[in-house]
Amino acid sequence: MVGKVVDYQERCKRLAADKIELKHTIIEQIRSLSGEEMYYNILYGRYVENKSLNRLAVENEYSYRRIKGLHKKAIEDFEKTYGTLYLDNPKERKKA
């Protein structure tokens, strides 16, 4: 029983480390986007800091509609550049 608990703890540590590594990878990918600096601010705020688009609009002094449009463009740019890395089908994944 103790062995199972130790194995489970090690598995949890590996999963946490993998998640942290993936988070840093995605942050660097967001940083590398060739679009406006605002793309980084929106994607980082939305997906790393978990801010709503409404909050981002207020913080950046843009209308919600403008932030929503920029968010859409930033997502399209991210998907164009890195989308195949995050497909559900492992056979379709490609390295960027």
PDB file of N, CA and C in Angstrom:
ATOM      1  N   MET A   1       0.823  -1.205   0.000  1.00  0.00           N
ATOM      2  CA  MET A   1       0.000   0.000   0.000  1.00  0.00           C
ATOM      3  C   MET A   1       0.864   1.265   0.000  1.00  0.00           C
ATOM      4  N   VAL A   2       1.915   1.275   0.796  1.00  0.00           N
ATOM      5  CA  VAL A   2       2.805   2.432   0.877  1.00  0.00           C
ATOM      6  C   VAL A   2       3.456   2.669  -0.487  1.00  0.00           C
ATOM      7  N   GLY A   3       3.825   1.600  -1.169  1.00  0.00           N
ATOM      8  CA  GLY A   3       4.420   1.714  -2.504  1.00  0.00           C
ATOM      9  C   GLY A   3       3.479   2.393  -3.479  1.00  0.00           C
ATOM     10  N   LYS A   4       2.188   2.065  -3.407  1.00  0.00           N
ATOM     11  CA  LYS A   4       1.196   2.683  -4.291  1.00  0.00           C
ATOM     12  C   LYS A   4       1.080   4.180  -4.014  1.00  0.00           C
ATOM     13  N   VAL A   5       1.116   4.557  -2.752  1.00  0.00           N
ATOM     14  CA  VAL A   5       1.017   5.966  -2.379  1.00  0.00           C
ATOM     15  C   VAL A   5       2.240   6.720  -2.901  1.00  0.00           C
ATOM     16  N   VAL A   6       3.415   6.142  -2.733  1.00  0.00           N
ATOM     17  CA  VAL A   6       4.641   6.781  -3.210  1.00  0.00           C
ATOM     18  C   VAL A   6       4.598   6.922  -4.732  1.00  0.00           C
ATOM     19  N   ASP A   7       4.171   5.872  -5.434  1.00  0.00           N
ATOM     20  CA  ASP A   7       4.047   5.938  -6.890  1.00  0.00           C
ATOM     21  C   ASP A   7       3.067   7.021  -7.312  1.00  0.00           C
ATOM     22  N   TYR A   8       1.949   7.122  -6.603  1.00  0.00           N
ATOM     23  CA  TYR A   8       0.945   8.136  -6.915  1.00  0.00           C
ATOM     24  C   TYR A   8       1.511   9.534  -6.694  1.00  0.00           C
ATOM     25  N   GLN A   9       2.262   9.722  -5.609  1.00  0.00           N
ATOM     26  CA  GLN A   9       2.868  11.025  -5.333  1.00  0.00           C
ATOM     27  C   GLN A   9       3.868  11.400  -6.430  1.00  0.00           C
ATOM     28  N   GLU A  10       4.662  10.459  -6.855  1.00  0.00           N
ATOM     29  CA  GLU A  10       5.630  10.720  -7.928  1.00  0.00           C
ATOM     30  C   GLU A  10       4.920  11.068  -9.234  1.00  0.00           C
ATOM     31  N   ARG A  11       3.845  10.346  -9.532  1.00  0.00           N
ATOM     32  CA  ARG A  11       3.064  10.625 -10.732  1.00  0.00           C
ATOM     33  C   ARG A  11       2.484  12.034 -10.673  1.00  0.00           C
ATOM     34  N   CYS A  12       1.974  12.428  -9.522  1.00  0.00           N
ATOM     35  CA  CYS A  12       1.422  13.784  -9.349  1.00  0.00           C
ATOM     36  C   CYS A  12       2.501  14.842  -9.539  1.00  0.00           C
ATOM     37  N   LYS A  13       3.695  14.592  -9.003  1.00  0.00           N
ATOM     38  CA  LYS A  13       4.800  15.535  -9.168  1.00  0.00           C
ATOM     39  C   LYS A  13       5.183  15.680 -10.637  1.00  0.00           C
ATOM     40  N   ARG A  14       5.220  14.553 -11.361  1.00  0.00           N
ATOM     41  CA  ARG A  14       5.556  14.597 -12.792  1.00  0.00           C
ATOM     42  C   ARG A  14       4.500  15.363 -13.567  1.00  0.00           C
ATOM     43  N   LEU A  15       3.233  15.105 -13.267  1.00  0.00           N
ATOM     44  CA  LEU A  15       2.149  15.808 -13.956  1.00  0.00           C
ATOM     45  C   LEU A  15       2.212  17.313 -13.691  1.00  0.00           C
ATOM     46  N   ALA A  16       2.489  17.702 -12.456  1.00  0.00           N
ATOM     47  CA  ALA A  16       2.589  19.125 -12.119  1.00  0.00           C
ATOM     48  C   ALA A  16       3.761  19.764 -12.852  1.00  0.00           C
ATOM     49  N   ALA A  17       4.890  19.070 -12.887  1.00  0.00           N
ATOM     50  CA  ALA A  17       6.065  19.604 -13.584  1.00  0.00           C
ATOM     51  C   ALA A  17       5.786  19.734 -15.080  1.00  0.00           C
ATOM     52  N   ASP A  18       5.104  18.743 -15.655  1.00  0.00           N
ATOM     53  CA  ASP A  18       4.750  18.799 -17.079  1.00  0.00           C
ATOM     54  C   ASP A  18       3.824  19.976 -17.364  1.00  0.00           C
ATOM     55  N   LYS A  19       2.868  20.221 -16.469  1.00  0.00           N
ATOM     56  CA  LYS A  19       1.932  21.330 -16.654  1.00  0.00           C
ATOM     57  C   LYS A  19       2.660  22.675 -16.590  1.00  0.00           C
ATOM     58  N   ILE A  20       3.574  22.810 -15.660  1.00  0.00           N
ATOM     59  CA  ILE A  20       4.346  24.051 -15.545  1.00  0.00           C
ATOM     60  C   ILE A  20       5.191  24.267 -16.794  1.00  0.00           C
ATOM     61  N   GLU A  21       5.816  23.195 -17.272  1.00  0.00           N
ATOM     62  CA  GLU A  21       6.631  23.300 -18.484  1.00  0.00           C
ATOM     63  C   GLU A  21       5.776  23.698 -19.689  1.00  0.00           C
ATOM     64  N   LEU A  22       4.595  23.092 -19.809  1.00  0.00           N
ATOM     65  CA  LEU A  22       3.700  23.438 -20.911  1.00  0.00           C
ATOM     66  C   LEU A  22       3.253  24.891 -20.817  1.00  0.00           C
ATOM     67  N   LYS A  23       2.956  25.357 -19.616  1.00  0.00           N
ATOM     68  CA  LYS A  23       2.545  26.751 -19.423  1.00  0.00           C
ATOM     69  C   LYS A  23       3.640  27.696 -19.907  1.00  0.00           C
ATOM     70  N   HIS A  24       4.891  27.421 -19.541  1.00  0.00           N
ATOM     71  CA  HIS A  24       6.001  28.276 -19.971  1.00  0.00           C
ATOM     72  C   HIS A  24       6.192  28.216 -21.488  1.00  0.00           C
ATOM     73  N   THR A  25       5.997  27.041 -22.067  1.00  0.00           N
ATOM     74  CA  THR A  25       6.104  26.892 -23.519  1.00  0.00           C
ATOM     75  C   THR A  25       5.055  27.747 -24.219  1.00  0.00           C
ATOM     76  N   ILE A  26       3.823  27.675 -23.735  1.00  0.00           N
ATOM     77  CA  ILE A  26       2.733  28.439 -24.344  1.00  0.00           C
ATOM     78  C   ILE A  26       2.966  29.941 -24.172  1.00  0.00           C
ATOM     79  N   ILE A  27       3.481  30.362 -23.028  1.00  0.00           N
ATOM     80  CA  ILE A  27       3.783  31.786 -22.824  1.00  0.00           C
ATOM     81  C   ILE A  27       4.811  32.245 -23.845  1.00  0.00           C
ATOM     82  N   GLU A  28       5.844  31.449 -24.068  1.00  0.00           N
ATOM     83  CA  GLU A  28       6.865  31.805 -25.064  1.00  0.00           C
ATOM     84  C   GLU A  28       6.271  31.814 -26.478  1.00  0.00           C
ATOM     85  N   GLN A  29       5.369  30.909 -26.757  1.00  0.00           N
ATOM     86  CA  GLN A  29       4.710  30.886 -28.070  1.00  0.00           C
ATOM     87  C   GLN A  29       3.858  32.135 -28.259  1.00  0.00           C
ATOM     88  N   ILE A  30       3.144  32.539 -27.222  1.00  0.00           N
ATOM     89  CA  ILE A  30       2.342  33.764 -27.295  1.00  0.00           C
ATOM     90  C   ILE A  30       3.266  34.963 -27.531  1.00  0.00           C
ATOM     91  N   ARG A  31       4.389  34.997 -26.817  1.00  0.00           N
ATOM     92  CA  ARG A  31       5.352  36.087 -26.961  1.00  0.00           C
ATOM     93  C   ARG A  31       5.904  36.180 -28.376  1.00  0.00           C
ATOM     94  N   SER A  32       6.019  35.051 -29.043  1.00  0.00           N
ATOM     95  CA  SER A  32       6.656  35.026 -30.361  1.00  0.00           C
ATOM     96  C   SER A  32       5.731  35.410 -31.508  1.00  0.00           C
ATOM     97  N   LEU A  33       4.456  35.624 -31.234  1.00  0.00           N
ATOM     98  CA  LEU A  33       3.532  35.970 -32.311  1.00  0.00           C
ATOM     99  C   LEU A  33       3.974  37.259 -32.987  1.00  0.00           C
ATOM    100  N   SER A  34       3.842  37.275 -34.294  1.00  0.00           N
ATOM    101  CA  SER A  34       4.340  38.418 -35.059  1.00  0.00           C
ATOM    102  C   SER A  34       3.360  39.591 -35.103  1.00  0.00           C
ATOM    103  N   GLY A  35       2.174  39.419 -34.581  1.00  0.00           N
ATOM    104  CA  GLY A  35       1.170  40.483 -34.623  1.00  0.00           C
ATOM    105  C   GLY A  35       1.466  41.596 -33.643  1.00  0.00           C
ATOM    106  N   GLU A  36       0.480  42.369 -33.383  1.00  0.00           N
ATOM    107  CA  GLU A  36       0.610  43.502 -32.475  1.00  0.00           C
ATOM    108  C   GLU A  36       1.019  43.040 -31.079  1.00  0.00           C
ATOM    109  N   GLU A  37       1.623  43.945 -30.336  1.00  0.00           N
ATOM    110  CA  GLU A  37       1.952  43.654 -28.936  1.00  0.00           C
ATOM    111  C   GLU A  37       0.662  43.374 -28.155  1.00  0.00           C
ATOM    112  N   MET A  38      -0.422  43.961 -28.635  1.00  0.00           N
ATOM    113  CA  MET A  38      -1.705  43.772 -27.965  1.00  0.00           C
ATOM    114  C   MET A  38      -2.130  42.310 -27.977  1.00  0.00           C
ATOM    115  N   TYR A  39      -1.742  41.564 -29.018  1.00  0.00           N
ATOM    116  CA  TYR A  39      -2.062  40.135 -29.070  1.00  0.00           C
ATOM    117  C   TYR A  39      -1.511  39.445 -27.825  1.00  0.00           C
ATOM    118  N   TYR A  40      -0.265  39.753 -27.517  1.00  0.00           N
ATOM    119  CA  TYR A  40       0.349  39.157 -26.329  1.00  0.00           C
ATOM    120  C   TYR A  40      -0.431  39.542 -25.079  1.00  0.00           C
ATOM    121  N   ASN A  41      -0.731  40.836 -24.933  1.00  0.00           N
ATOM    122  CA  ASN A  41      -1.449  41.301 -23.744  1.00  0.00           C
ATOM    123  C   ASN A  41      -2.793  40.606 -23.590  1.00  0.00           C
ATOM    124  N   ILE A  42      -3.500  40.435 -24.693  1.00  0.00           N
ATOM    125  CA  ILE A  42      -4.822  39.821 -24.628  1.00  0.00           C
ATOM    126  C   ILE A  42      -4.716  38.332 -24.332  1.00  0.00           C
ATOM    127  N   LEU A  43      -3.887  37.610 -25.086  1.00  0.00           N
ATOM    128  CA  LEU A  43      -3.782  36.166 -24.883  1.00  0.00           C
ATOM    129  C   LEU A  43      -3.192  35.833 -23.514  1.00  0.00           C
ATOM    130  N   TYR A  44      -2.180  36.569 -23.099  1.00  0.00           N
ATOM    131  CA  TYR A  44      -1.584  36.331 -21.789  1.00  0.00           C
ATOM    132  C   TYR A  44      -2.609  36.632 -20.686  1.00  0.00           C
ATOM    133  N   GLY A  45      -3.267  37.762 -20.802  1.00  0.00           N
ATOM    134  CA  GLY A  45      -4.267  38.124 -19.800  1.00  0.00           C
ATOM    135  C   GLY A  45      -5.410  37.128 -19.735  1.00  0.00           C
ATOM    136  N   ARG A  46      -5.866  36.696 -20.888  1.00  0.00           N
ATOM    137  CA  ARG A  46      -7.016  35.788 -20.935  1.00  0.00           C
ATOM    138  C   ARG A  46      -6.667  34.369 -20.484  1.00  0.00           C
ATOM    139  N   TYR A  47      -5.572  33.823 -20.991  1.00  0.00           N
ATOM    140  CA  TYR A  47      -5.314  32.400 -20.785  1.00  0.00           C
ATOM    141  C   TYR A  47      -4.274  32.087 -19.717  1.00  0.00           C
ATOM    142  N   VAL A  48      -3.477  33.049 -19.319  1.00  0.00           N
ATOM    143  CA  VAL A  48      -2.521  32.804 -18.243  1.00  0.00           C
ATOM    144  C   VAL A  48      -3.039  33.405 -16.942  1.00  0.00           C
ATOM    145  N   GLU A  49      -3.545  34.633 -17.030  1.00  0.00           N
ATOM    146  CA  GLU A  49      -4.051  35.303 -15.839  1.00  0.00           C
ATOM    147  C   GLU A  49      -5.553  35.087 -15.624  1.00  0.00           C
ATOM    148  N   ASN A  50      -6.208  34.406 -16.552  1.00  0.00           N
ATOM    149  CA  ASN A  50      -7.641  34.076 -16.454  1.00  0.00           C
ATOM    150  C   ASN A  50      -8.546  35.295 -16.320  1.00  0.00           C
ATOM    151  N   LYS A  51      -8.199  36.366 -17.019  1.00  0.00           N
ATOM    152  CA  LYS A  51      -9.024  37.577 -16.994  1.00  0.00           C
ATOM    153  C   LYS A  51     -10.100  37.472 -18.071  1.00  0.00           C
ATOM    154  N   SER A  52     -11.241  38.069 -17.812  1.00  0.00           N
ATOM    155  CA  SER A  52     -12.307  38.102 -18.803  1.00  0.00           C
ATOM    156  C   SER A  52     -11.988  39.141 -19.875  1.00  0.00           C
ATOM    157  N   LEU A  53     -12.631  39.015 -21.015  1.00  0.00           N
ATOM    158  CA  LEU A  53     -12.443  40.017 -22.067  1.00  0.00           C
ATOM    159  C   LEU A  53     -12.947  41.385 -21.608  1.00  0.00           C
ATOM    160  N   ASN A  54     -14.003  41.391 -20.799  1.00  0.00           N
ATOM    161  CA  ASN A  54     -14.502  42.660 -20.248  1.00  0.00           C
ATOM    162  C   ASN A  54     -13.428  43.343 -19.400  1.00  0.00           C
ATOM    163  N   ARG A  55     -12.793  42.574 -18.547  1.00  0.00           N
ATOM    164  CA  ARG A  55     -11.748  43.142 -17.685  1.00  0.00           C
ATOM    165  C   ARG A  55     -10.573  43.641 -18.527  1.00  0.00           C
ATOM    166  N   LEU A  56     -10.191  42.876 -19.540  1.00  0.00           N
ATOM    167  CA  LEU A  56      -9.102  43.296 -20.413  1.00  0.00           C
ATOM    168  C   LEU A  56      -9.450  44.581 -21.151  1.00  0.00           C
ATOM    169  N   ALA A  57     -10.704  44.719 -21.539  1.00  0.00           N
ATOM    170  CA  ALA A  57     -11.145  45.942 -22.221  1.00  0.00           C
ATOM    171  C   ALA A  57     -10.985  47.153 -21.307  1.00  0.00           C
ATOM    172  N   VAL A  58     -11.399  47.011 -20.071  1.00  0.00           N
ATOM    173  CA  VAL A  58     -11.287  48.110 -19.114  1.00  0.00           C
ATOM    174  C   VAL A  58      -9.819  48.435 -18.847  1.00  0.00           C
ATOM    175  N   GLU A  59      -9.016  47.409 -18.590  1.00  0.00           N
ATOM    176  CA  GLU A  59      -7.602  47.628 -18.272  1.00  0.00           C
ATOM    177  C   GLU A  59      -6.828  48.269 -19.427  1.00  0.00           C
ATOM    178  N   ASN A  60      -7.195  47.935 -20.652  1.00  0.00           N
ATOM    179  CA  ASN A  60      -6.481  48.452 -21.814  1.00  0.00           C
ATOM    180  C   ASN A  60      -7.161  49.661 -22.445  1.00  0.00           C
ATOM    181  N   GLU A  61      -8.248  50.101 -21.842  1.00  0.00           N
ATOM    182  CA  GLU A  61      -9.014  51.259 -22.303  1.00  0.00           C
ATOM    183  C   GLU A  61      -9.482  51.112 -23.751  1.00  0.00           C
ATOM    184  N   TYR A  62      -9.989  49.927 -24.061  1.00  0.00           N
ATOM    185  CA  TYR A  62     -10.608  49.632 -25.357  1.00  0.00           C
ATOM    186  C   TYR A  62     -12.053  49.233 -25.102  1.00  0.00           C
ATOM    187  N   SER A  63     -12.848  49.275 -26.130  1.00  0.00           N
ATOM    188  CA  SER A  63     -14.208  48.774 -25.992  1.00  0.00           C
ATOM    189  C   SER A  63     -14.162  47.245 -25.967  1.00  0.00           C
ATOM    190  N   TYR A  64     -15.204  46.665 -25.412  1.00  0.00           N
ATOM    191  CA  TYR A  64     -15.299  45.199 -25.380  1.00  0.00           C
ATOM    192  C   TYR A  64     -15.260  44.649 -26.804  1.00  0.00           C
ATOM    193  N   ARG A  65     -15.969  45.315 -27.689  1.00  0.00           N
ATOM    194  CA  ARG A  65     -16.038  44.865 -29.088  1.00  0.00           C
ATOM    195  C   ARG A  65     -14.652  44.858 -29.740  1.00  0.00           C
ATOM    196  N   ARG A  66     -13.854  45.882 -29.454  1.00  0.00           N
ATOM    197  CA  ARG A  66     -12.490  45.958 -30.006  1.00  0.00           C
ATOM    198  C   ARG A  66     -11.609  44.841 -29.443  1.00  0.00           C
ATOM    199  N   ILE A  67     -11.702  44.607 -28.136  1.00  0.00           N
ATOM    200  CA  ILE A  67     -10.922  43.534 -27.505  1.00  0.00           C
ATOM    201  C   ILE A  67     -11.340  42.177 -28.059  1.00  0.00           C
ATOM    202  N   LYS A  68     -12.636  42.003 -28.255  1.00  0.00           N
ATOM    203  CA  LYS A  68     -13.120  40.725 -28.801  1.00  0.00           C
ATOM    204  C   LYS A  68     -12.562  40.498 -30.212  1.00  0.00           C
ATOM    205  N   GLY A  69     -12.530  41.544 -31.033  1.00  0.00           N
ATOM    206  CA  GLY A  69     -11.974  41.427 -32.377  1.00  0.00           C
ATOM    207  C   GLY A  69     -10.474  41.144 -32.355  1.00  0.00           C
ATOM    208  N   LEU A  70      -9.742  41.834 -31.486  1.00  0.00           N
ATOM    209  CA  LEU A  70      -8.302  41.588 -31.345  1.00  0.00           C
ATOM    210  C   LEU A  70      -8.032  40.185 -30.826  1.00  0.00           C
ATOM    211  N   HIS A  71      -8.872  39.734 -29.896  1.00  0.00           N
ATOM    212  CA  HIS A  71      -8.740  38.377 -29.360  1.00  0.00           C
ATOM    213  C   HIS A  71      -8.917  37.353 -30.472  1.00  0.00           C
ATOM    214  N   LYS A  72      -9.912  37.569 -31.299  1.00  0.00           N
ATOM    215  CA  LYS A  72     -10.163  36.653 -32.416  1.00  0.00           C
ATOM    216  C   LYS A  72      -8.950  36.599 -33.355  1.00  0.00           C
ATOM    217  N   LYS A  73      -8.403  37.767 -33.692  1.00  0.00           N
ATOM    218  CA  LYS A  73      -7.241  37.817 -34.578  1.00  0.00           C
ATOM    219  C   LYS A  73      -6.020  37.172 -33.923  1.00  0.00           C
ATOM    220  N   ALA A  74      -5.841  37.399 -32.636  1.00  0.00           N
ATOM    221  CA  ALA A  74      -4.707  36.813 -31.922  1.00  0.00           C
ATOM    222  C   ALA A  74      -4.817  35.289 -31.889  1.00  0.00           C
ATOM    223  N   ILE A  75      -6.022  34.787 -31.651  1.00  0.00           N
ATOM    224  CA  ILE A  75      -6.244  33.330 -31.651  1.00  0.00           C
ATOM    225  C   ILE A  75      -5.976  32.762 -33.037  1.00  0.00           C
ATOM    226  N   GLU A  76      -6.457  33.427 -34.071  1.00  0.00           N
ATOM    227  CA  GLU A  76      -6.222  32.950 -35.445  1.00  0.00           C
ATOM    228  C   GLU A  76      -4.726  32.898 -35.746  1.00  0.00           C
ATOM    229  N   ASP A  77      -4.004  33.927 -35.328  1.00  0.00           N
ATOM    230  CA  ASP A  77      -2.554  33.963 -35.542  1.00  0.00           C
ATOM    231  C   ASP A  77      -1.875  32.831 -34.775  1.00  0.00           C
ATOM    232  N   PHE A  78      -2.277  32.624 -33.532  1.00  0.00           N
ATOM    233  CA  PHE A  78      -1.705  31.545 -32.722  1.00  0.00           C
ATOM    234  C   PHE A  78      -1.995  30.186 -33.356  1.00  0.00           C
ATOM    235  N   GLU A  79      -3.232  29.979 -33.786  1.00  0.00           N
ATOM    236  CA  GLU A  79      -3.602  28.695 -34.400  1.00  0.00           C
ATOM    237  C   GLU A  79      -2.850  28.460 -35.708  1.00  0.00           C
ATOM    238  N   LYS A  80      -2.667  29.522 -36.482  1.00  0.00           N
ATOM    239  CA  LYS A  80      -1.947  29.394 -37.746  1.00  0.00           C
ATOM    240  C   LYS A  80      -0.505  28.958 -37.482  1.00  0.00           C
ATOM    241  N   THR A  81       0.080  29.510 -36.441  1.00  0.00           N
ATOM    242  CA  THR A  81       1.477  29.241 -36.131  1.00  0.00           C
ATOM    243  C   THR A  81       1.674  27.947 -35.345  1.00  0.00           C
ATOM    244  N   TYR A  82       0.824  27.705 -34.346  1.00  0.00           N
ATOM    245  CA  TYR A  82       1.046  26.591 -33.413  1.00  0.00           C
ATOM    246  C   TYR A  82      -0.109  25.600 -33.317  1.00  0.00           C
ATOM    247  N   GLY A  83      -1.161  25.792 -34.080  1.00  0.00           N
ATOM    248  CA  GLY A  83      -2.364  24.983 -33.930  1.00  0.00           C
ATOM    249  C   GLY A  83      -2.154  23.486 -34.044  1.00  0.00           C
ATOM    250  N   THR A  84      -1.292  23.058 -34.957  1.00  0.00           N
ATOM    251  CA  THR A  84      -1.115  21.615 -35.140  1.00  0.00           C
ATOM    252  C   THR A  84      -0.457  20.957 -33.929  1.00  0.00           C
ATOM    253  N   LEU A  85       0.198  21.731 -33.080  1.00  0.00           N
ATOM    254  CA  LEU A  85       0.794  21.160 -31.873  1.00  0.00           C
ATOM    255  C   LEU A  85      -0.259  20.754 -30.848  1.00  0.00           C
ATOM    256  N   TYR A  86      -1.449  21.318 -30.963  1.00  0.00           N
ATOM    257  CA  TYR A  86      -2.468  21.119 -29.941  1.00  0.00           C
ATOM    258  C   TYR A  86      -3.703  20.369 -30.435  1.00  0.00           C
ATOM    259  N   LEU A  87      -3.585  19.704 -31.567  1.00  0.00           N
ATOM    260  CA  LEU A  87      -4.707  18.914 -32.071  1.00  0.00           C
ATOM    261  C   LEU A  87      -4.941  17.704 -31.171  1.00  0.00           C
ATOM    262  N   ASP A  88      -6.203  17.247 -31.107  1.00  0.00           N
ATOM    263  CA  ASP A  88      -6.530  16.077 -30.299  1.00  0.00           C
ATOM    264  C   ASP A  88      -6.001  14.785 -30.915  1.00  0.00           C
ATOM    265  N   ASN A  89      -5.826  14.773 -32.227  1.00  0.00           N
ATOM    266  CA  ASN A  89      -5.378  13.568 -32.932  1.00  0.00           C
ATOM    267  C   ASN A  89      -3.856  13.573 -33.008  1.00  0.00           C
ATOM    268  N   PRO A  90      -3.176  12.690 -32.236  1.00  0.00           N
ATOM    269  CA  PRO A  90      -1.708  12.690 -32.243  1.00  0.00           C
ATOM    270  C   PRO A  90      -1.091  12.447 -33.620  1.00  0.00           C
ATOM    271  N   LYS A  91      -1.793  11.760 -34.514  1.00  0.00           N
ATOM    272  CA  LYS A  91      -1.273  11.491 -35.855  1.00  0.00           C
ATOM    273  C   LYS A  91      -1.148  12.774 -36.659  1.00  0.00           C
ATOM    274  N   GLU A  92      -1.957  13.796 -36.334  1.00  0.00           N
ATOM    275  CA  GLU A  92      -1.956  15.036 -37.084  1.00  0.00           C
ATOM    276  C   GLU A  92      -1.052  16.098 -36.474  1.00  0.00           C
ATOM    277  N   ARG A  93      -0.445  15.813 -35.331  1.00  0.00           N
ATOM    278  CA  ARG A  93       0.436  16.790 -34.693  1.00  0.00           C
ATOM    279  C   ARG A  93       1.715  16.942 -35.485  1.00  0.00           C
ATOM    280  N   LYS A  94       2.162  18.168 -35.572  1.00  0.00           N
ATOM    281  CA  LYS A  94       3.420  18.475 -36.251  1.00  0.00           C
ATOM    282  C   LYS A  94       4.246  19.346 -35.332  1.00  0.00           C
ATOM    283  N   LYS A  95       5.519  19.307 -35.472  1.00  0.00           N
ATOM    284  CA  LYS A  95       6.406  20.196 -34.703  1.00  0.00           C
ATOM    285  C   LYS A  95       6.553  21.499 -35.430  1.00  0.00           C
ATOM    286  N   ALA A  96       6.481  22.600 -34.679  1.00  0.00           N
ATOM    287  CA  ALA A  96       6.627  23.931 -35.294  1.00  0.00           C
ATOM    288  C   ALA A  96       8.075  24.334 -35.298  1.00  0.00           C
TER     289      ALA A  96
END
